[in-house]
């Protein structure tokens, strides 16, 4: 009696000569499940769609700008290196998404916090 493992590889090589032997038991095609649906890449670029996309980008930029500003201000009180660097990065993202004022202030405050932590505070402790 021939013993089979619980999970055998699916072998269709006997059905058609172009089929190869499948050595992987769960090697199934799933491109339809992973592919981007057709609605996601519409090519209809009407003026309304473009304006809506620009408004969504601005809205996301404002949200990122406020988040970056909060991170940069918090970096003055706790974890200056981590929150300051994060505020700089998120501020840059906000700056690129048309929230220029919030992004710029976030980057400046985060940079001051990081510089203070890396230069001024060690200098202060070395003097005292």
Protein backbone atom coordinates (compact mmCIF):
# COMPACT_ATOMS: atom_id res chain seq x y z
CA UNK A 1 0.00 0.00 0.00
CA UNK A 2 1.34 3.39 -1.01
CA UNK A 3 1.49 6.05 1.71
CA UNK A 4 0.60 9.63 0.84
CA UNK A 5 1.35 12.69 2.89
CA UNK A 6 -1.55 14.77 4.10
CA UNK A 7 -0.75 17.57 1.63
CA UNK A 8 0.49 16.33 -1.71
CA UNK A 9 1.52 18.57 -4.55
CA UNK A 10 -0.98 18.91 -7.34
CA UNK A 11 0.46 17.25 -10.43
CA UNK A 12 -1.26 17.83 -13.79
CA UNK A 13 1.74 16.83 -15.89
CA UNK A 14 -0.04 13.72 -17.14
CA UNK A 15 -2.94 15.79 -18.61
CA UNK A 16 -0.95 17.97 -20.97
CA UNK A 17 2.67 17.87 -22.10
CA UNK A 18 3.23 21.61 -21.44
CA UNK A 19 2.36 21.22 -17.76
CA UNK A 20 5.37 20.76 -15.56
CA UNK A 21 5.52 18.86 -12.33
CA UNK A 22 4.39 21.07 -9.45
CA UNK A 23 6.77 20.71 -6.51
CA UNK A 24 5.00 23.28 -4.31
CA UNK A 25 1.77 22.00 -2.77
CA UNK A 26 0.07 25.41 -2.52
CA UNK A 27 1.40 27.07 -5.65
CA UNK A 28 -1.88 28.47 -6.95
CA UNK A 29 -2.37 31.44 -9.20
CA UNK A 30 -4.00 34.38 -7.48
CA UNK A 31 -3.44 37.31 -9.79
CA UNK A 32 -7.11 38.24 -9.90
CA UNK A 33 -7.18 38.62 -6.13
CA UNK A 34 -4.06 40.80 -6.07
CA UNK A 35 -4.69 42.88 -9.17
CA UNK A 36 -5.91 46.46 -9.00
CA UNK A 37 -9.60 46.66 -9.87
CA UNK A 38 -10.39 48.47 -13.13
CA UNK A 39 -12.24 51.26 -11.31
CA UNK A 40 -9.04 52.22 -9.46
CA UNK A 41 -7.21 53.39 -12.56
CA UNK A 42 -9.85 55.24 -14.50
CA UNK A 43 -8.52 57.42 -17.28
CA UNK A 44 -11.42 59.87 -17.09
CA UNK A 45 -9.51 63.07 -16.24
CA UNK A 46 -12.28 65.62 -16.43
CA UNK A 47 -11.87 69.00 -14.82
CA UNK A 48 -14.11 68.00 -11.89
CA UNK A 49 -12.04 64.90 -11.17
CA UNK A 50 -8.79 66.86 -11.27
CA UNK A 51 -10.17 69.57 -8.97
CA UNK A 52 -11.47 66.94 -6.57
CA UNK A 53 -8.06 65.24 -6.46
CA UNK A 54 -6.32 68.56 -5.83
CA UNK A 55 -8.74 69.37 -2.99
CA UNK A 56 -8.19 65.94 -1.42
CA UNK A 57 -4.43 66.48 -1.60
CA UNK A 58 -4.75 69.87 0.07
CA UNK A 59 -6.97 68.42 2.78
CA UNK A 60 -4.48 65.62 3.43
CA UNK A 61 -1.68 68.20 3.48
CA UNK A 62 -3.50 70.25 6.12
CA UNK A 63 -4.00 67.17 8.30
CA UNK A 64 -0.36 66.16 7.91
CA UNK A 65 0.69 69.74 8.66
CA UNK A 66 -1.20 69.89 11.93
CA UNK A 67 0.08 66.45 12.94
CA UNK A 68 3.65 67.54 12.16
CA UNK A 69 3.22 70.75 14.13
CA UNK A 70 1.94 68.81 17.15
CA UNK A 71 4.89 66.40 16.89
CA UNK A 72 7.40 69.24 16.60
CA UNK A 73 5.95 71.14 19.57
CA UNK A 74 5.88 67.96 21.67
CA UNK A 75 9.53 67.37 20.77
CA UNK A 76 10.43 70.45 22.80
CA UNK A 77 9.22 68.67 25.96
CA UNK A 78 9.70 64.91 25.47
CA UNK A 79 11.83 62.75 23.18
CA UNK A 80 13.35 65.61 21.18
CA UNK A 81 15.33 63.46 18.78
CA UNK A 82 12.52 61.04 17.90
CA UNK A 83 9.61 63.48 17.79
CA UNK A 84 11.70 66.26 16.23
CA UNK A 85 12.89 64.05 13.39
CA UNK A 86 9.36 62.73 12.87
CA UNK A 87 8.01 66.29 12.86
CA UNK A 88 10.58 67.23 10.20
CA UNK A 89 9.63 64.31 7.95
CA UNK A 90 5.86 64.75 8.33
CA UNK A 91 6.31 68.52 7.93
CA UNK A 92 8.11 67.95 4.64
CA UNK A 93 5.26 65.71 3.47
CA UNK A 94 2.77 68.44 4.42
CA UNK A 95 4.90 71.04 2.62
CA UNK A 96 4.84 68.93 -0.54
CA UNK A 97 1.04 68.58 -0.27
CA UNK A 98 0.42 72.36 -0.38
CA UNK A 99 0.33 73.01 3.37
CA UNK A 100 3.38 75.25 3.03
CA UNK A 101 3.01 77.27 6.24
CA UNK A 102 2.29 74.37 8.57
CA UNK A 103 4.95 72.20 6.95
CA UNK A 104 7.61 74.91 7.14
CA UNK A 105 6.90 75.75 10.78
CA UNK A 106 6.93 72.06 11.67
CA UNK A 107 10.27 71.51 9.96
CA UNK A 108 11.79 74.58 11.65
CA UNK A 109 10.56 73.68 15.15
CA UNK A 110 11.59 70.04 14.73
CA UNK A 111 15.03 71.06 13.46
CA UNK A 112 15.57 73.42 16.40
CA UNK A 113 14.59 70.63 18.79
CA UNK A 114 16.96 68.11 17.18
CA UNK A 115 19.85 70.62 17.07
CA UNK A 116 19.26 71.59 20.69
CA UNK A 117 19.31 67.96 21.73
CA UNK A 118 22.41 67.02 19.74
CA UNK A 119 24.53 70.18 20.25
CA UNK A 120 23.39 72.61 22.91
CA UNK A 121 22.41 70.19 25.70
CA UNK A 122 25.64 68.10 25.52
CA UNK A 123 27.60 71.35 25.42
CA UNK A 124 25.76 72.57 28.51
CA UNK A 125 26.49 69.34 30.41
CA UNK A 126 30.15 69.41 29.41
CA UNK A 127 30.54 72.94 30.81
CA UNK A 128 28.72 72.35 34.08
